[in-house]
Amino acid sequence: MNKRAFTLVELLVVIAIIGMLMGLLLPAVQQAREAARQMQCSNNLKQFGSASQNHVAVHLFYPGGGWYYSFVVDPDRGMGADQPGGWICSLMPYMDLNNLFMLPKDNNPGTVTADQKTKATQVCQTPVSFFHCPSRRTTKLYPVTSSPTANCNKMTTGTKIDYAGNHGAVTVKSRDSWSGNSNVSSLGYGASGQYIKDVKKTTDSGGMFFITSWVTPAEIYDGATNTYLVGEKYLQTDFYETGGGSAFVDDDNVSLGGCDWDSLRNTWCSEDNTPRLPYQDRKGWNGQKYLFGSAHAGALGMTMADGSVHRISYSINAETHRYLGDRRDEKVVKLPY
């Protein structure tokens, strides 16, 4: 009786066909996975937008920008100009993170105790999933090379954030812009005796977040639908795991730090009078400072001051991007789609 079997040529043809099908299928699978990650990233941005709207409904102003990088969350100091932690700290009570926000509370805003510092450090070392874009990095602790120390303990690891608040359309104005710029105590007083919350006017760069900011809806002259609130930030791919302290990396501090480039970006820079267009993350590229951007191809996610989330192309017109970053320039532009 004759035995039937595949010939070697037939077997090779079948293997070749399977290989071709796999070659066609894998990109589609990867594309579907990236689409899911992009959707999750947009959901994170939507949470920031919804939390900001709730903050406005309760306090009548947007989350504050905090003091500056050496400070973190202090629940005893409330919201607005008195809150030393960055904008994400003020959103925590409206993002199901109130228990974490309240952890350092001791009902005494006039002091910073050792126990309070320890608990504030614990908050800064508690990973939060929606602080991260899933296309960029996982939820865990990352190296910290510029640790806050004013109202927490020095850290070598902490949480990071892949999103940045809109600082405006000019160069950042930090503690160097006010007369009490040295020897700032844990209570916010400088060498001259000036209290840091009194410097709002000198640090307002037209954005939604700056030192001691508490922007009201009435101060958004261009309208909440035409002004950036929070967006994805640019980061070099070779610094995803290690962070860095240069103006091109801006990922050396913890996520809850006050007014700092780790959690702020702008759309124009007066240092060289050039636009700060968004870019997709790339290795070794540090051509400009203070950029919005993301790990996604084609576009990044941006939350507007009205809480809506939009995809903004990397090829957005420079002037349009600039005007969307300045709430008070009275240059109302249409969002590109």
Foldseek 3Di string as FASTA:
>chain_A
DDDDDDDPVRVVVVVVVVVVVCVVVVVVVVVVVVVVLQVLLLVLLLLQLVLQVVLCVVPQFGFEQAAFFQDFADPLQPTFLSTRWGRVLNSCVVNVNVVLNCQLDDNDLVDQDQSSQASRVVSQQDWDQSQDRPLQDGTHWAAADDEHDQRHHGDGIGAAGQKAFQQAAEDFDHLVQDPQSPPQHSNQARPVRDRRLVCVVRGRHQARYHNRGTHGQVQLLLHQVLAFTMWGAEAANVCSRHFDDDQQHLTNYTHTGGNGLSHYAYQHYPVVGGGQQEDAHHHPDRPDGRHHYYPDPFFIWTATNNSDIDTAGSPPDSVSSNRNSGRHPNPHDDGDD
